[in-house]
mmCIF file of all heavy atoms, coordinates in Angstrom:
data_MODEL
# 
_entry.id   MODEL 
# 
loop_
_atom_site.group_PDB 
_atom_site.id 
_atom_site.type_symbol 
_atom_site.label_atom_id 
_atom_site.label_alt_id 
_atom_site.label_comp_id 
_atom_site.label_asym_id 
_atom_site.label_entity_id 
_atom_site.label_seq_id 
_atom_site.pdbx_PDB_ins_code 
_atom_site.Cartn_x 
_atom_site.Cartn_y 
_atom_site.Cartn_z 
_atom_site.occupancy 
_atom_site.B_iso_or_equiv 
_atom_site.pdbx_formal_charge 
_atom_site.auth_seq_id 
_atom_site.auth_comp_id 
_atom_site.auth_asym_id 
_atom_site.auth_atom_id 
_atom_site.pdbx_PDB_model_num 
ATOM 1   N N   . PHE A 1 1  ? -6.676  -5.484  10.293  1.00 0.00 ? 1  PHE A N   1 
ATOM 2   C CA  . PHE A 1 1  ? -7.521  -4.929  11.347  1.00 0.00 ? 1  PHE A CA  1 
ATOM 3   C C   . PHE A 1 1  ? -8.286  -6.071  12.012  1.00 0.00 ? 1  PHE A C   1 
ATOM 4   O O   . PHE A 1 1  ? -8.904  -6.894  11.332  1.00 0.00 ? 1  PHE A O   1 
ATOM 5   C CB  . PHE A 1 1  ? -8.485  -3.907  10.740  1.00 0.00 ? 1  PHE A CB  1 
ATOM 6   C CG  . PHE A 1 1  ? -9.372  -3.231  11.746  1.00 0.00 ? 1  PHE A CG  1 
ATOM 7   C CD1 . PHE A 1 1  ? -8.873  -2.248  12.572  1.00 0.00 ? 1  PHE A CD1 1 
ATOM 8   C CD2 . PHE A 1 1  ? -10.707 -3.586  11.861  1.00 0.00 ? 1  PHE A CD2 1 
ATOM 9   C CE1 . PHE A 1 1  ? -9.686  -1.609  13.498  1.00 0.00 ? 1  PHE A CE1 1 
ATOM 10  C CE2 . PHE A 1 1  ? -11.534 -2.959  12.781  1.00 0.00 ? 1  PHE A CE2 1 
ATOM 11  C CZ  . PHE A 1 1  ? -11.023 -1.971  13.602  1.00 0.00 ? 1  PHE A CZ  1 
ATOM 12  N N   . GLN A 1 2  ? -8.255  -6.125  13.342  1.00 0.00 ? 2  GLN A N   1 
ATOM 13  C CA  . GLN A 1 2  ? -8.728  -7.295  14.072  1.00 0.00 ? 2  GLN A CA  1 
ATOM 14  C C   . GLN A 1 2  ? -10.159 -7.206  14.572  1.00 0.00 ? 2  GLN A C   1 
ATOM 15  O O   . GLN A 1 2  ? -10.721 -8.217  15.020  1.00 0.00 ? 2  GLN A O   1 
ATOM 16  C CB  . GLN A 1 2  ? -7.815  -7.549  15.281  1.00 0.00 ? 2  GLN A CB  1 
ATOM 17  C CG  . GLN A 1 2  ? -6.375  -7.870  14.922  1.00 0.00 ? 2  GLN A CG  1 
ATOM 18  C CD  . GLN A 1 2  ? -6.196  -9.279  14.376  1.00 0.00 ? 2  GLN A CD  1 
ATOM 19  O OE1 . GLN A 1 2  ? -6.948  -10.193 14.719  1.00 0.00 ? 2  GLN A OE1 1 
ATOM 20  N NE2 . GLN A 1 2  ? -5.207  -9.478  13.533  1.00 0.00 ? 2  GLN A NE2 1 
ATOM 21  N N   . LEU A 1 3  ? -10.801 -6.050  14.494  1.00 0.00 ? 3  LEU A N   1 
ATOM 22  C CA  . LEU A 1 3  ? -12.061 -5.856  15.199  1.00 0.00 ? 3  LEU A CA  1 
ATOM 23  C C   . LEU A 1 3  ? -13.276 -5.679  14.301  1.00 0.00 ? 3  LEU A C   1 
ATOM 24  O O   . LEU A 1 3  ? -14.328 -5.314  14.778  1.00 0.00 ? 3  LEU A O   1 
ATOM 25  C CB  . LEU A 1 3  ? -11.948 -4.640  16.126  1.00 0.00 ? 3  LEU A CB  1 
ATOM 26  C CG  . LEU A 1 3  ? -10.806 -4.692  17.162  1.00 0.00 ? 3  LEU A CG  1 
ATOM 27  C CD1 . LEU A 1 3  ? -10.740 -3.394  17.941  1.00 0.00 ? 3  LEU A CD1 1 
ATOM 28  C CD2 . LEU A 1 3  ? -10.998 -5.875  18.107  1.00 0.00 ? 3  LEU A CD2 1 
ATOM 29  N N   . GLY A 1 4  ? -13.146 -5.955  13.018  1.00 0.00 ? 4  GLY A N   1 
ATOM 30  C CA  . GLY A 1 4  ? -14.278 -5.685  12.135  1.00 0.00 ? 4  GLY A CA  1 
ATOM 31  C C   . GLY A 1 4  ? -14.457 -6.682  11.024  1.00 0.00 ? 4  GLY A C   1 
ATOM 32  O O   . GLY A 1 4  ? -14.912 -6.322  9.933   1.00 0.00 ? 4  GLY A O   1 
ATOM 33  N N   . GLY A 1 5  ? -14.110 -7.943  11.235  1.00 0.00 ? 5  GLY A N   1 
ATOM 34  C CA  . GLY A 1 5  ? -14.292 -8.941  10.204  1.00 0.00 ? 5  GLY A CA  1 
ATOM 35  C C   . GLY A 1 5  ? -13.373 -8.798  9.020   1.00 0.00 ? 5  GLY A C   1 
ATOM 36  O O   . GLY A 1 5  ? -13.689 -9.242  7.914   1.00 0.00 ? 5  GLY A O   1 
ATOM 37  N N   . GLN A 1 6  ? -12.196 -8.169  9.228   1.00 0.00 ? 6  GLN A N   1 
ATOM 38  C CA  . GLN A 1 6  ? -11.249 -7.930  8.141   1.00 0.00 ? 6  GLN A CA  1 
ATOM 39  C C   . GLN A 1 6  ? -10.144 -8.967  8.075   1.00 0.00 ? 6  GLN A C   1 
ATOM 40  O O   . GLN A 1 6  ? -9.250  -8.848  7.236   1.00 0.00 ? 6  GLN A O   1 
ATOM 41  C CB  . GLN A 1 6  ? -10.615 -6.541  8.290   1.00 0.00 ? 6  GLN A CB  1 
ATOM 42  C CG  . GLN A 1 6  ? -11.591 -5.377  8.250   1.00 0.00 ? 6  GLN A CG  1 
ATOM 43  C CD  . GLN A 1 6  ? -12.267 -5.236  6.932   1.00 0.00 ? 6  GLN A CD  1 
ATOM 44  O OE1 . GLN A 1 6  ? -13.462 -5.504  6.814   1.00 0.00 ? 6  GLN A OE1 1 
ATOM 45  N NE2 . GLN A 1 6  ? -11.525 -4.851  5.917   1.00 0.00 ? 6  GLN A NE2 1 
ATOM 46  N N   . LYS A 1 7  ? -10.187 -9.974  8.933   1.00 0.00 ? 7  LYS A N   1 
ATOM 47  C CA  . LYS A 1 7  ? -9.074  -10.913 9.031   1.00 0.00 ? 7  LYS A CA  1 
ATOM 48  C C   . LYS A 1 7  ? -8.818  -11.664 7.740   1.00 0.00 ? 7  LYS A C   1 
ATOM 49  O O   . LYS A 1 7  ? -7.689  -12.061 7.465   1.00 0.00 ? 7  LYS A O   1 
ATOM 50  C CB  . LYS A 1 7  ? -9.316  -11.883 10.177  1.00 0.00 ? 7  LYS A CB  1 
ATOM 51  C CG  . LYS A 1 7  ? -9.243  -11.241 11.559  1.00 0.00 ? 7  LYS A CG  1 
ATOM 52  C CD  . LYS A 1 7  ? -9.389  -12.280 12.646  1.00 0.00 ? 7  LYS A CD  1 
ATOM 53  C CE  . LYS A 1 7  ? -9.312  -11.649 14.009  1.00 0.00 ? 7  LYS A CE  1 
ATOM 54  N NZ  . LYS A 1 7  ? -9.437  -12.658 15.096  1.00 0.00 ? 7  LYS A NZ  1 
ATOM 55  N N   . GLU A 1 8  ? -9.881  -11.897 6.969   1.00 0.00 ? 8  GLU A N   1 
ATOM 56  C CA  . GLU A 1 8  ? -9.714  -12.638 5.731   1.00 0.00 ? 8  GLU A CA  1 
ATOM 57  C C   . GLU A 1 8  ? -9.501  -11.723 4.525   1.00 0.00 ? 8  GLU A C   1 
ATOM 58  O O   . GLU A 1 8  ? -9.226  -12.198 3.429   1.00 0.00 ? 8  GLU A O   1 
ATOM 59  C CB  . GLU A 1 8  ? -10.935 -13.535 5.492   1.00 0.00 ? 8  GLU A CB  1 
ATOM 60  C CG  . GLU A 1 8  ? -11.227 -14.513 6.624   1.00 0.00 ? 8  GLU A CG  1 
ATOM 61  C CD  . GLU A 1 8  ? -10.076 -15.463 6.890   1.00 0.00 ? 8  GLU A CD  1 
ATOM 62  O OE1 . GLU A 1 8  ? -9.422  -15.892 5.916   1.00 0.00 ? 8  GLU A OE1 1 
ATOM 63  O OE2 . GLU A 1 8  ? -9.802  -15.758 8.075   1.00 0.00 ? 8  GLU A OE2 1 
ATOM 64  N N   . GLU A 1 9  ? -9.640  -10.420 4.726   1.00 0.00 ? 9  GLU A N   1 
ATOM 65  C CA  . GLU A 1 9  ? -9.481  -9.465  3.644   1.00 0.00 ? 9  GLU A CA  1 
ATOM 66  C C   . GLU A 1 9  ? -8.002  -9.124  3.453   1.00 0.00 ? 9  GLU A C   1 
ATOM 67  O O   . GLU A 1 9  ? -7.210  -9.187  4.392   1.00 0.00 ? 9  GLU A O   1 
ATOM 68  C CB  . GLU A 1 9  ? -10.266 -8.187  3.939   1.00 0.00 ? 9  GLU A CB  1 
ATOM 69  C CG  . GLU A 1 9  ? -11.772 -8.391  4.038   1.00 0.00 ? 9  GLU A CG  1 
ATOM 70  C CD  . GLU A 1 9  ? -12.375 -8.844  2.726   1.00 0.00 ? 9  GLU A CD  1 
ATOM 71  O OE1 . GLU A 1 9  ? -11.979 -8.287  1.668   1.00 0.00 ? 9  GLU A OE1 1 
ATOM 72  O OE2 . GLU A 1 9  ? -13.229 -9.748  2.744   1.00 0.00 ? 9  GLU A OE2 1 
ATOM 73  N N   . PRO A 1 10 ? -7.609  -8.765  2.233   1.00 0.00 ? 10 PRO A N   1 
ATOM 74  C CA  . PRO A 1 10 ? -6.204  -8.426  2.008   1.00 0.00 ? 10 PRO A CA  1 
ATOM 75  C C   . PRO A 1 10 ? -5.816  -7.092  2.630   1.00 0.00 ? 10 PRO A C   1 
ATOM 76  O O   . PRO A 1 10 ? -6.646  -6.194  2.782   1.00 0.00 ? 10 PRO A O   1 
ATOM 77  C CB  . PRO A 1 10 ? -6.105  -8.367  0.480   1.00 0.00 ? 10 PRO A CB  1 
ATOM 78  C CG  . PRO A 1 10 ? -7.489  -8.048  0.009   1.00 0.00 ? 10 PRO A CG  1 
ATOM 79  C CD  . PRO A 1 10 ? -8.411  -8.733  0.985   1.00 0.00 ? 10 PRO A CD  1 
ATOM 80  N N   . SER A 1 11 ? -4.553  -6.987  2.996   1.00 0.00 ? 11 SER A N   1 
ATOM 81  C CA  . SER A 1 11 ? -3.969  -5.693  3.324   1.00 0.00 ? 11 SER A CA  1 
ATOM 82  C C   . SER A 1 11 ? -3.540  -5.033  2.023   1.00 0.00 ? 11 SER A C   1 
ATOM 83  O O   . SER A 1 11 ? -3.078  -5.704  1.096   1.00 0.00 ? 11 SER A O   1 
ATOM 84  C CB  . SER A 1 11 ? -2.766  -5.850  4.251   1.00 0.00 ? 11 SER A CB  1 
ATOM 85  O OG  . SER A 1 11 ? -3.142  -6.307  5.526   1.00 0.00 ? 11 SER A OG  1 
ATOM 86  N N   . GLU A 1 12 ? -3.691  -3.711  1.972   1.00 0.00 ? 12 GLU A N   1 
ATOM 87  C CA  . GLU A 1 12 ? -3.361  -2.984  0.747   1.00 0.00 ? 12 GLU A CA  1 
ATOM 88  C C   . GLU A 1 12 ? -2.423  -1.818  1.077   1.00 0.00 ? 12 GLU A C   1 
ATOM 89  O O   . GLU A 1 12 ? -2.641  -1.078  2.032   1.00 0.00 ? 12 GLU A O   1 
ATOM 90  C CB  . GLU A 1 12 ? -4.635  -2.446  0.073   1.00 0.00 ? 12 GLU A CB  1 
ATOM 91  C CG  . GLU A 1 12 ? -5.624  -3.547  -0.314  1.00 0.00 ? 12 GLU A CG  1 
ATOM 92  C CD  . GLU A 1 12 ? -6.871  -3.005  -0.991  1.00 0.00 ? 12 GLU A CD  1 
ATOM 93  O OE1 . GLU A 1 12 ? -6.881  -1.786  -1.335  1.00 0.00 ? 12 GLU A OE1 1 
ATOM 94  O OE2 . GLU A 1 12 ? -7.844  -3.765  -1.167  1.00 0.00 ? 12 GLU A OE2 1 
ATOM 95  N N   . PHE A 1 13 ? -1.388  -1.682  0.254   1.00 0.00 ? 13 PHE A N   1 
ATOM 96  C CA  . PHE A 1 13 ? -0.437  -0.591  0.408   1.00 0.00 ? 13 PHE A CA  1 
ATOM 97  C C   . PHE A 1 13 ? -0.185  0.052   -0.953  1.00 0.00 ? 13 PHE A C   1 
ATOM 98  O O   . PHE A 1 13 ? -0.186  -0.616  -1.982  1.00 0.00 ? 13 PHE A O   1 
ATOM 99  C CB  . PHE A 1 13 ? 0.905   -1.090  0.950   1.00 0.00 ? 13 PHE A CB  1 
ATOM 100 C CG  . PHE A 1 13 ? 0.843   -1.684  2.329   1.00 0.00 ? 13 PHE A CG  1 
ATOM 101 C CD1 . PHE A 1 13 ? 0.688   -3.045  2.508   1.00 0.00 ? 13 PHE A CD1 1 
ATOM 102 C CD2 . PHE A 1 13 ? 0.935   -0.881  3.451   1.00 0.00 ? 13 PHE A CD2 1 
ATOM 103 C CE1 . PHE A 1 13 ? 0.634   -3.608  3.772   1.00 0.00 ? 13 PHE A CE1 1 
ATOM 104 C CE2 . PHE A 1 13 ? 0.883   -1.426  4.717   1.00 0.00 ? 13 PHE A CE2 1 
ATOM 105 C CZ  . PHE A 1 13 ? 0.732   -2.791  4.875   1.00 0.00 ? 13 PHE A CZ  1 
ATOM 106 N N   . ALA A 1 14 ? 0.067   1.355   -0.920  1.00 0.00 ? 14 ALA A N   1 
ATOM 107 C CA  . ALA A 1 14 ? 0.515   2.084   -2.104  1.00 0.00 ? 14 ALA A CA  1 
ATOM 108 C C   . ALA A 1 14 ? 1.454   3.186   -1.643  1.00 0.00 ? 14 ALA A C   1 
ATOM 109 O O   . ALA A 1 14 ? 1.176   3.875   -0.664  1.00 0.00 ? 14 ALA A O   1 
ATOM 110 C CB  . ALA A 1 14 ? -0.668  2.666   -2.878  1.00 0.00 ? 14 ALA A CB  1 
ATOM 111 N N   . ILE A 1 15 ? 2.568   3.329   -2.332  1.00 0.00 ? 15 ILE A N   1 
ATOM 112 C CA  . ILE A 1 15 ? 3.551   4.334   -1.946  1.00 0.00 ? 15 ILE A CA  1 
ATOM 113 C C   . ILE A 1 15 ? 4.067   5.034   -3.196  1.00 0.00 ? 15 ILE A C   1 
ATOM 114 O O   . ILE A 1 15 ? 4.280   4.407   -4.239  1.00 0.00 ? 15 ILE A O   1 
ATOM 115 C CB  . ILE A 1 15 ? 4.705   3.705   -1.141  1.00 0.00 ? 15 ILE A CB  1 
ATOM 116 C CG1 . ILE A 1 15 ? 5.565   4.785   -0.484  1.00 0.00 ? 15 ILE A CG1 1 
ATOM 117 C CG2 . ILE A 1 15 ? 5.550   2.758   -1.996  1.00 0.00 ? 15 ILE A CG2 1 
ATOM 118 C CD1 . ILE A 1 15 ? 6.513   4.251   0.578   1.00 0.00 ? 15 ILE A CD1 1 
ATOM 119 N N   . SER A 1 16 ? 4.221   6.358   -3.106  1.00 0.00 ? 16 SER A N   1 
ATOM 120 C CA  . SER A 1 16 ? 4.796   7.170   -4.173  1.00 0.00 ? 16 SER A CA  1 
ATOM 121 C C   . SER A 1 16 ? 6.097   7.770   -3.666  1.00 0.00 ? 16 SER A C   1 
ATOM 122 O O   . SER A 1 16 ? 6.126   8.395   -2.609  1.00 0.00 ? 16 SER A O   1 
ATOM 123 C CB  . SER A 1 16 ? 3.832   8.288   -4.588  1.00 0.00 ? 16 SER A CB  1 
ATOM 124 O OG  . SER A 1 16 ? 2.618   7.768   -5.078  1.00 0.00 ? 16 SER A OG  1 
ATOM 125 N N   . LEU A 1 17 ? 7.160   7.580   -4.444  1.00 0.00 ? 17 LEU A N   1 
ATOM 126 C CA  . LEU A 1 17 ? 8.477   8.055   -4.068  1.00 0.00 ? 17 LEU A CA  1 
ATOM 127 C C   . LEU A 1 17 ? 9.086   8.848   -5.215  1.00 0.00 ? 17 LEU A C   1 
ATOM 128 O O   . LEU A 1 17 ? 9.000   8.444   -6.375  1.00 0.00 ? 17 LEU A O   1 
ATOM 129 C CB  . LEU A 1 17 ? 9.402   6.883   -3.722  1.00 0.00 ? 17 LEU A CB  1 
ATOM 130 C CG  . LEU A 1 17 ? 8.985   5.977   -2.557  1.00 0.00 ? 17 LEU A CG  1 
ATOM 131 C CD1 . LEU A 1 17 ? 9.887   4.752   -2.478  1.00 0.00 ? 17 LEU A CD1 1 
ATOM 132 C CD2 . LEU A 1 17 ? 9.022   6.734   -1.247  1.00 0.00 ? 17 LEU A CD2 1 
ATOM 133 N N   . PHE A 1 18 ? 9.686   9.968   -4.882  1.00 0.00 ? 18 PHE A N   1 
ATOM 134 C CA  . PHE A 1 18 ? 10.443  10.744  -5.848  1.00 0.00 ? 18 PHE A CA  1 
ATOM 135 C C   . PHE A 1 18 ? 11.892  10.331  -5.719  1.00 0.00 ? 18 PHE A C   1 
ATOM 136 O O   . PHE A 1 18 ? 12.547  10.622  -4.716  1.00 0.00 ? 18 PHE A O   1 
ATOM 137 C CB  . PHE A 1 18 ? 10.270  12.242  -5.586  1.00 0.00 ? 18 PHE A CB  1 
ATOM 138 C CG  . PHE A 1 18 ? 10.834  13.111  -6.664  1.00 0.00 ? 18 PHE A CG  1 
ATOM 139 C CD1 . PHE A 1 18 ? 10.086  13.435  -7.782  1.00 0.00 ? 18 PHE A CD1 1 
ATOM 140 C CD2 . PHE A 1 18 ? 12.117  13.616  -6.566  1.00 0.00 ? 18 PHE A CD2 1 
ATOM 141 C CE1 . PHE A 1 18 ? 10.607  14.233  -8.781  1.00 0.00 ? 18 PHE A CE1 1 
ATOM 142 C CE2 . PHE A 1 18 ? 12.646  14.413  -7.559  1.00 0.00 ? 18 PHE A CE2 1 
ATOM 143 C CZ  . PHE A 1 18 ? 11.888  14.724  -8.671  1.00 0.00 ? 18 PHE A CZ  1 
ATOM 144 N N   . LEU A 1 19 ? 12.409  9.617   -6.725  1.00 0.00 ? 19 LEU A N   1 
ATOM 145 C CA  . LEU A 1 19 ? 13.718  8.995   -6.639  1.00 0.00 ? 19 LEU A CA  1 
ATOM 146 C C   . LEU A 1 19 ? 14.605  9.429   -7.798  1.00 0.00 ? 19 LEU A C   1 
ATOM 147 O O   . LEU A 1 19 ? 14.337  9.090   -8.958  1.00 0.00 ? 19 LEU A O   1 
ATOM 148 C CB  . LEU A 1 19 ? 13.591  7.462   -6.642  1.00 0.00 ? 19 LEU A CB  1 
ATOM 149 C CG  . LEU A 1 19 ? 12.657  6.854   -5.582  1.00 0.00 ? 19 LEU A CG  1 
ATOM 150 C CD1 . LEU A 1 19 ? 12.516  5.352   -5.805  1.00 0.00 ? 19 LEU A CD1 1 
ATOM 151 C CD2 . LEU A 1 19 ? 13.162  7.143   -4.182  1.00 0.00 ? 19 LEU A CD2 1 
ATOM 152 N N   . ASP A 1 20 ? 15.618  10.205  -7.474  1.00 0.00 ? 20 ASP A N   1 
ATOM 153 C CA  . ASP A 1 20 ? 16.630  10.588  -8.455  1.00 0.00 ? 20 ASP A CA  1 
ATOM 154 C C   . ASP A 1 20 ? 16.016  11.208  -9.712  1.00 0.00 ? 20 ASP A C   1 
ATOM 155 O O   . ASP A 1 20 ? 16.354  10.866  -10.840 1.00 0.00 ? 20 ASP A O   1 
ATOM 156 C CB  . ASP A 1 20 ? 17.488  9.371   -8.816  1.00 0.00 ? 20 ASP A CB  1 
ATOM 157 C CG  . ASP A 1 20 ? 18.814  9.741   -9.449  1.00 0.00 ? 20 ASP A CG  1 
ATOM 158 O OD1 . ASP A 1 20 ? 19.288  10.866  -9.217  1.00 0.00 ? 20 ASP A OD1 1 
ATOM 159 O OD2 . ASP A 1 20 ? 19.376  8.897   -10.173 1.00 0.00 ? 20 ASP A OD2 1 
ATOM 160 N N   . GLY A 1 21 ? 15.085  12.139  -9.489  1.00 0.00 ? 21 GLY A N   1 
ATOM 161 C CA  . GLY A 1 21 ? 14.516  12.884  -10.602 1.00 0.00 ? 21 GLY A CA  1 
ATOM 162 C C   . GLY A 1 21 ? 13.281  12.292  -11.231 1.00 0.00 ? 21 GLY A C   1 
ATOM 163 O O   . GLY A 1 21 ? 12.746  12.846  -12.197 1.00 0.00 ? 21 GLY A O   1 
ATOM 164 N N   . GLU A 1 22 ? 12.792  11.162  -10.710 1.00 0.00 ? 22 GLU A N   1 
ATOM 165 C CA  . GLU A 1 22 ? 11.621  10.502  -11.292 1.00 0.00 ? 22 GLU A CA  1 
ATOM 166 C C   . GLU A 1 22 ? 10.633  10.107  -10.201 1.00 0.00 ? 22 GLU A C   1 
ATOM 167 O O   . GLU A 1 22 ? 11.022  9.814   -9.069  1.00 0.00 ? 22 GLU A O   1 
ATOM 168 C CB  . GLU A 1 22 ? 12.043  9.252   -12.086 1.00 0.00 ? 22 GLU A CB  1 
ATOM 169 C CG  . GLU A 1 22 ? 12.968  9.540   -13.256 1.00 0.00 ? 22 GLU A CG  1 
ATOM 170 C CD  . GLU A 1 22 ? 13.441  8.274   -13.962 1.00 0.00 ? 22 GLU A CD  1 
ATOM 171 O OE1 . GLU A 1 22 ? 13.990  7.393   -13.273 1.00 0.00 ? 22 GLU A OE1 1 
ATOM 172 O OE2 . GLU A 1 22 ? 13.287  8.189   -15.191 1.00 0.00 ? 22 GLU A OE2 1 
ATOM 173 N N   . LEU A 1 23 ? 9.349   10.099  -10.565 1.00 0.00 ? 23 LEU A N   1 
ATOM 174 C CA  . LEU A 1 23 ? 8.297   9.742   -9.628  1.00 0.00 ? 23 LEU A CA  1 
ATOM 175 C C   . LEU A 1 23 ? 7.854   8.307   -9.871  1.00 0.00 ? 23 LEU A C   1 
ATOM 176 O O   . LEU A 1 23 ? 7.391   7.953   -10.964 1.00 0.00 ? 23 LEU A O   1 
ATOM 177 C CB  . LEU A 1 23 ? 7.100   10.686  -9.782  1.00 0.00 ? 23 LEU A CB  1 
ATOM 178 C CG  . LEU A 1 23 ? 5.921   10.435  -8.837  1.00 0.00 ? 23 LEU A CG  1 
ATOM 179 C CD1 . LEU A 1 23 ? 6.336   10.647  -7.389  1.00 0.00 ? 23 LEU A CD1 1 
ATOM 180 C CD2 . LEU A 1 23 ? 4.752   11.353  -9.188  1.00 0.00 ? 23 LEU A CD2 1 
ATOM 181 N N   . PHE A 1 24 ? 7.999   7.462   -8.847  1.00 0.00 ? 24 PHE A N   1 
ATOM 182 C CA  . PHE A 1 24 ? 7.630   6.057   -8.925  1.00 0.00 ? 24 PHE A CA  1 
ATOM 183 C C   . PHE A 1 24 ? 6.446   5.771   -8.003  1.00 0.00 ? 24 PHE A C   1 
ATOM 184 O O   . PHE A 1 24 ? 6.323   6.363   -6.934  1.00 0.00 ? 24 PHE A O   1 
ATOM 185 C CB  . PHE A 1 24 ? 8.800   5.150   -8.521  1.00 0.00 ? 24 PHE A CB  1 
ATOM 186 C CG  . PHE A 1 24 ? 9.976   5.213   -9.452  1.00 0.00 ? 24 PHE A CG  1 
ATOM 187 C CD1 . PHE A 1 24 ? 11.002  6.127   -9.238  1.00 0.00 ? 24 PHE A CD1 1 
ATOM 188 C CD2 . PHE A 1 24 ? 10.059  4.374   -10.555 1.00 0.00 ? 24 PHE A CD2 1 
ATOM 189 C CE1 . PHE A 1 24 ? 12.092  6.193   -10.088 1.00 0.00 ? 24 PHE A CE1 1 
ATOM 190 C CE2 . PHE A 1 24 ? 11.139  4.438   -11.414 1.00 0.00 ? 24 PHE A CE2 1 
ATOM 191 C CZ  . PHE A 1 24 ? 12.151  5.352   -11.185 1.00 0.00 ? 24 PHE A CZ  1 
ATOM 192 N N   . GLU A 1 25 ? 5.614   4.824   -8.417  1.00 0.00 ? 25 GLU A N   1 
ATOM 193 C CA  . GLU A 1 25 ? 4.494   4.381   -7.599  1.00 0.00 ? 25 GLU A CA  1 
ATOM 194 C C   . GLU A 1 25 ? 4.491   2.860   -7.526  1.00 0.00 ? 25 GLU A C   1 
ATOM 195 O O   . GLU A 1 25 ? 4.676   2.185   -8.540  1.00 0.00 ? 25 GLU A O   1 
ATOM 196 C CB  . GLU A 1 25 ? 3.165   4.878   -8.177  1.00 0.00 ? 25 GLU A CB  1 
ATOM 197 C CG  . GLU A 1 25 ? 3.026   6.399   -8.182  1.00 0.00 ? 25 GLU A CG  1 
ATOM 198 C CD  . GLU A 1 25 ? 1.691   6.866   -8.728  1.00 0.00 ? 25 GLU A CD  1 
ATOM 199 O OE1 . GLU A 1 25 ? 0.882   6.000   -9.164  1.00 0.00 ? 25 GLU A OE1 1 
ATOM 200 O OE2 . GLU A 1 25 ? 1.442   8.089   -8.736  1.00 0.00 ? 25 GLU A OE2 1 
ATOM 201 N N   . TYR A 1 26 ? 4.281   2.345   -6.331  1.00 0.00 ? 26 TYR A N   1 
ATOM 202 C CA  . TYR A 1 26 ? 4.203   0.905   -6.131  1.00 0.00 ? 26 TYR A CA  1 
ATOM 203 C C   . TYR A 1 26 ? 2.968   0.587   -5.309  1.00 0.00 ? 26 TYR A C   1 
ATOM 204 O O   . TYR A 1 26 ? 2.706   1.239   -4.293  1.00 0.00 ? 26 TYR A O   1 
ATOM 205 C CB  . TYR A 1 26 ? 5.450   0.377   -5.422  1.00 0.00 ? 26 TYR A CB  1 
ATOM 206 C CG  . TYR A 1 26 ? 5.391   -1.113  -5.112  1.00 0.00 ? 26 TYR A CG  1 
ATOM 207 C CD1 . TYR A 1 26 ? 5.434   -2.060  -6.127  1.00 0.00 ? 26 TYR A CD1 1 
ATOM 208 C CD2 . TYR A 1 26 ? 5.282   -1.566  -3.800  1.00 0.00 ? 26 TYR A CD2 1 
ATOM 209 C CE1 . TYR A 1 26 ? 5.373   -3.421  -5.857  1.00 0.00 ? 26 TYR A CE1 1 
ATOM 210 C CE2 . TYR A 1 26 ? 5.225   -2.928  -3.516  1.00 0.00 ? 26 TYR A CE2 1 
ATOM 211 C CZ  . TYR A 1 26 ? 5.266   -3.845  -4.554  1.00 0.00 ? 26 TYR A CZ  1 
ATOM 212 O OH  . TYR A 1 26 ? 5.202   -5.196  -4.273  1.00 0.00 ? 26 TYR A OH  1 
ATOM 213 N N   . GLU A 1 27 ? 2.213   -0.413  -5.750  1.00 0.00 ? 27 GLU A N   1 
ATOM 214 C CA  . GLU A 1 27 ? 0.995   -0.823  -5.060  1.00 0.00 ? 27 GLU A CA  1 
ATOM 215 C C   . GLU A 1 27 ? 0.980   -2.339  -4.916  1.00 0.00 ? 27 GLU A C   1 
ATOM 216 O O   . GLU A 1 27 ? 1.389   -3.064  -5.824  1.00 0.00 ? 27 GLU A O   1 
ATOM 217 C CB  . GLU A 1 27 ? -0.245  -0.372  -5.837  1.00 0.00 ? 27 GLU A CB  1 
ATOM 218 C CG  . GLU A 1 27 ? -1.570  -0.675  -5.151  1.00 0.00 ? 27 GLU A CG  1 
ATOM 219 C CD  . GLU A 1 27 ? -2.771  -0.147  -5.920  1.00 0.00 ? 27 GLU A CD  1 
ATOM 220 O OE1 . GLU A 1 27 ? -2.579  0.450   -7.001  1.00 0.00 ? 27 GLU A OE1 1 
ATOM 221 O OE2 . GLU A 1 27 ? -3.908  -0.339  -5.442  1.00 0.00 ? 27 GLU A OE2 1 
ATOM 222 N N   . VAL A 1 28 ? 0.529   -2.832  -3.758  1.00 0.00 ? 28 VAL A N   1 
ATOM 223 C CA  . VAL A 1 28 ? 0.484   -4.267  -3.522  1.00 0.00 ? 28 VAL A CA  1 
ATOM 224 C C   . VAL A 1 28 ? -0.680  -4.602  -2.604  1.00 0.00 ? 28 VAL A C   1 
ATOM 225 O O   . VAL A 1 28 ? -0.981  -3.869  -1.664  1.00 0.00 ? 28 VAL A O   1 
ATOM 226 C CB  . VAL A 1 28 ? 1.822   -4.772  -2.919  1.00 0.00 ? 28 VAL A CB  1 
ATOM 227 C CG1 . VAL A 1 28 ? 2.099   -4.122  -1.565  1.00 0.00 ? 28 VAL A CG1 1 
ATOM 228 C CG2 . VAL A 1 28 ? 1.860   -6.281  -2.816  1.00 0.00 ? 28 VAL A CG2 1 
# 
């Protein structure tokens, strides 16, 4: 985000996927 002093802060993502009968979560 460019307008609030966030340029040096990390970007964060988390995704949950139901894949072939199992629930997976990935965060970075």
